Amino acid sequence: MKDKYTEFQNQTARFAKALGHPVRIQILEILAGQSCCYSGDLCEVLPIARSTLSQHLNELKDAGLIQGEVNPPKIKYCINRQNWEEARGLLDRLFNLYNSPEASCNALND
C-alpha cells in the first residue's frame, strides 16, 4: 500500500514529535550552545533521572536531531547539523504556508 502522506509531512512530523517535550527542547538548547556535550554533564544540569534523560536523548537521536559517540564510560552528544538544517527548513516551510493574517478566522473571535 502506498503511503498516504508526503515525504514532507512524514519528515516534518518526525521532527515535530522529537521536539514535543520541554526537556528535549532544553537538551537541544544546551547542545546548540556548545560544540558537544557529554550525557553525564546533562544529568548535572537537568533535574531528571539518568534513565529518563536517556529516553529523551534516544528520541532526539532517533529523529536525527542529535548524534552520539560512545567513549565508555561516557557518551558524547552533539547537534546533527545536517538534520538540524533540514528540520529548520521543513518547519519554516510549514509555518510559511500561512502567510496572510487577513485570511485568519476573525469570525471565531467575535
C-alpha atoms as a PDB file:
ATOM      1  CA  MET A   1       0.000   0.000   0.000  1.00  0.00           C
ATOM      2  CA  LYS A   2       1.296   3.401  -0.939  1.00  0.00           C
ATOM      3  CA  ASP A   3       1.984   5.841   1.876  1.00  0.00           C
ATOM      4  CA  LYS A   4      -0.849   8.351   2.090  1.00  0.00           C
ATOM      5  CA  TYR A   5       1.409  11.124   3.413  1.00  0.00           C
ATOM      6  CA  THR A   6       4.089  13.035   1.561  1.00  0.00           C
ATOM      7  CA  GLU A   7       7.768  12.876   2.482  1.00  0.00           C
ATOM      8  CA  PHE A   8       7.422  16.489   3.696  1.00  0.00           C
ATOM      9  CA  GLN A   9       4.553  15.524   6.006  1.00  0.00           C
ATOM     10  CA  ASN A  10       6.278  12.419   7.358  1.00  0.00           C
ATOM     11  CA  GLN A  11       9.635  14.075   7.990  1.00  0.00           C
ATOM     12  CA  THR A  12       8.118  17.230   9.495  1.00  0.00           C
ATOM     13  CA  ALA A  13       6.005  15.083  11.838  1.00  0.00           C
ATOM     14  CA  ARG A  14       9.068  13.056  12.816  1.00  0.00           C
ATOM     15  CA  PHE A  15      10.977  16.194  13.817  1.00  0.00           C
ATOM     16  CA  ALA A  16       7.914  17.725  15.497  1.00  0.00           C
ATOM     17  CA  LYS A  17       7.408  14.586  17.605  1.00  0.00           C
ATOM     18  CA  ALA A  18      11.006  14.766  18.794  1.00  0.00           C
ATOM     19  CA  LEU A  19      10.505  18.440  19.683  1.00  0.00           C
ATOM     20  CA  GLY A  20       7.280  17.644  21.535  1.00  0.00           C
ATOM     21  CA  HIS A  21       8.631  17.663  25.095  1.00  0.00           C
ATOM     22  CA  PRO A  22      10.098  20.602  27.068  1.00  0.00           C
ATOM     23  CA  VAL A  23      13.036  18.505  28.308  1.00  0.00           C
ATOM     24  CA  ARG A  24      14.028  17.740  24.709  1.00  0.00           C
ATOM     25  CA  ILE A  25      13.852  21.425  23.830  1.00  0.00           C
ATOM     26  CA  GLN A  26      16.073  22.149  26.840  1.00  0.00           C
ATOM     27  CA  ILE A  27      18.545  19.455  25.750  1.00  0.00           C
ATOM     28  CA  LEU A  28      18.687  20.964  22.254  1.00  0.00           C
ATOM     29  CA  GLU A  29      19.224  24.453  23.699  1.00  0.00           C
ATOM     30  CA  ILE A  30      22.156  23.146  25.748  1.00  0.00           C
ATOM     31  CA  LEU A  31      23.691  21.236  22.840  1.00  0.00           C
ATOM     32  CA  ALA A  32      23.141  24.062  20.355  1.00  0.00           C
ATOM     33  CA  GLY A  33      25.132  26.385  22.594  1.00  0.00           C
ATOM     34  CA  GLN A  34      28.171  24.080  22.601  1.00  0.00           C
ATOM     35  CA  SER A  35      30.209  22.121  20.135  1.00  0.00           C
ATOM     36  CA  CYS A  36      29.434  18.922  22.084  1.00  0.00           C
ATOM     37  CA  CYS A  37      28.224  17.772  25.476  1.00  0.00           C
ATOM     38  CA  TYR A  38      28.542  14.586  27.457  1.00  0.00           C
ATOM     39  CA  SER A  39      25.369  12.984  28.770  1.00  0.00           C
ATOM     40  CA  GLY A  40      26.904  12.954  32.251  1.00  0.00           C
ATOM     41  CA  ASP A  41      27.075  16.736  32.152  1.00  0.00           C
ATOM     42  CA  LEU A  42      23.418  16.864  31.128  1.00  0.00           C
ATOM     43  CA  CYS A  43      22.419  14.849  34.188  1.00  0.00           C
ATOM     44  CA  GLU A  44      24.004  17.513  36.367  1.00  0.00           C
ATOM     45  CA  VAL A  45      22.143  20.300  34.546  1.00  0.00           C
ATOM     46  CA  LEU A  46      18.712  18.707  34.119  1.00  0.00           C
ATOM     47  CA  PRO A  47      16.604  17.736  37.141  1.00  0.00           C
ATOM     48  CA  ILE A  48      15.682  14.290  35.782  1.00  0.00           C
ATOM     49  CA  ALA A  49      16.857  10.737  36.348  1.00  0.00           C
ATOM     50  CA  ARG A  50      19.589   9.351  34.116  1.00  0.00           C
ATOM     51  CA  SER A  51      17.172   6.752  32.697  1.00  0.00           C
ATOM     52  CA  THR A  52      14.658   9.482  31.782  1.00  0.00           C
ATOM     53  CA  LEU A  53      17.418  11.548  30.197  1.00  0.00           C
ATOM     54  CA  SER A  54      18.470   8.504  28.207  1.00  0.00           C
ATOM     55  CA  GLN A  55      14.927   8.103  26.841  1.00  0.00           C
ATOM     56  CA  HIS A  56      14.808  11.749  25.746  1.00  0.00           C
ATOM     57  CA  LEU A  57      18.256  11.536  24.150  1.00  0.00           C
ATOM     58  CA  ASN A  58      17.186   8.399  22.272  1.00  0.00           C
ATOM     59  CA  GLU A  59      14.085  10.158  20.924  1.00  0.00           C
ATOM     60  CA  LEU A  60      16.201  13.057  19.653  1.00  0.00           C
ATOM     61  CA  LYS A  61      18.777  10.681  18.225  1.00  0.00           C
ATOM     62  CA  ASP A  62      16.128   8.518  16.513  1.00  0.00           C
ATOM     63  CA  ALA A  63      14.738  11.643  14.842  1.00  0.00           C
ATOM     64  CA  GLY A  64      18.254  12.518  13.704  1.00  0.00           C
ATOM     65  CA  LEU A  65      18.433  15.869  15.503  1.00  0.00           C
ATOM     66  CA  ILE A  66      21.429  14.805  17.588  1.00  0.00           C
ATOM     67  CA  GLN A  67      24.212  12.318  17.151  1.00  0.00           C
ATOM     68  CA  GLY A  68      26.209  10.425  19.730  1.00  0.00           C
ATOM     69  CA  GLU A  69      29.571   8.816  20.063  1.00  0.00           C
ATOM     70  CA  VAL A  70      30.245   6.124  22.654  1.00  0.00           C
ATOM     71  CA  ASN A  71      33.503   6.525  24.577  1.00  0.00           C
ATOM     72  CA  PRO A  72      32.970   4.461  27.723  1.00  0.00           C
ATOM     73  CA  PRO A  73      32.101   5.402  30.339  1.00  0.00           C
ATOM     74  CA  LYS A  74      30.600   8.477  28.677  1.00  0.00           C
ATOM     75  CA  ILE A  75      28.537   9.143  25.575  1.00  0.00           C
ATOM     76  CA  LYS A  76      29.199  12.364  23.715  1.00  0.00           C
ATOM     77  CA  TYR A  77      26.165  14.037  22.121  1.00  0.00           C
ATOM     78  CA  CYS A  78      26.042  16.970  19.730  1.00  0.00           C
ATOM     79  CA  ILE A  79      23.660  18.535  17.230  1.00  0.00           C
ATOM     80  CA  ASN A  80      23.440  16.766  13.869  1.00  0.00           C
ATOM     81  CA  ARG A  81      23.962  19.917  11.793  1.00  0.00           C
ATOM     82  CA  GLN A  82      22.638  18.484   8.515  1.00  0.00           C
ATOM     83  CA  ASN A  83      19.365  17.263  10.026  1.00  0.00           C
ATOM     84  CA  TRP A  84      19.100  20.402  12.176  1.00  0.00           C
ATOM     85  CA  GLU A  85      19.091  22.482   8.987  1.00  0.00           C
ATOM     86  CA  GLU A  86      16.627  20.099   7.351  1.00  0.00           C
ATOM     87  CA  ALA A  87      14.269  20.429  10.343  1.00  0.00           C
ATOM     88  CA  ARG A  88      14.575  24.212  10.214  1.00  0.00           C
ATOM     89  CA  GLY A  89      13.701  24.214   6.516  1.00  0.00           C
ATOM     90  CA  LEU A  90      10.728  21.895   6.918  1.00  0.00           C
ATOM     91  CA  LEU A  91       9.288  23.829   9.855  1.00  0.00           C
ATOM     92  CA  ASP A  92       9.861  27.139   8.044  1.00  0.00           C
ATOM     93  CA  ARG A  93       8.046  25.703   5.038  1.00  0.00           C
ATOM     94  CA  LEU A  94       5.145  24.581   7.225  1.00  0.00           C
ATOM     95  CA  PHE A  95       4.793  27.915   9.017  1.00  0.00           C
ATOM     96  CA  ASN A  96       5.150  29.848   5.776  1.00  0.00           C
ATOM     97  CA  LEU A  97       2.090  28.086   4.353  1.00  0.00           C
ATOM     98  CA  TYR A  98       0.044  30.524   6.396  1.00  0.00           C
ATOM     99  CA  ASN A  99       1.236  33.887   5.180  1.00  0.00           C
ATOM    100  CA  SER A 100      -1.890  36.038   5.165  1.00  0.00           C
ATOM    101  CA  PRO A 101      -3.067  37.403   8.520  1.00  0.00           C
ATOM    102  CA  GLU A 102      -6.104  38.849   6.707  1.00  0.00           C
ATOM    103  CA  ALA A 103      -7.243  35.311   5.978  1.00  0.00           C
ATOM    104  CA  SER A 104      -7.475  34.405   9.636  1.00  0.00           C
ATOM    105  CA  CYS A 105     -10.756  33.276  11.037  1.00  0.00           C
ATOM    106  CA  ASN A 106     -11.720  36.509  12.795  1.00  0.00           C
ATOM    107  CA  ALA A 107     -15.326  35.340  12.994  1.00  0.00           C
ATOM    108  CA  LEU A 108     -14.330  32.983  15.798  1.00  0.00           C
ATOM    109  CA  ASN A 109     -13.090  35.914  17.873  1.00  0.00           C
ATOM    110  CA  ASP A 110     -16.317  37.953  17.548  1.00  0.00           C
END
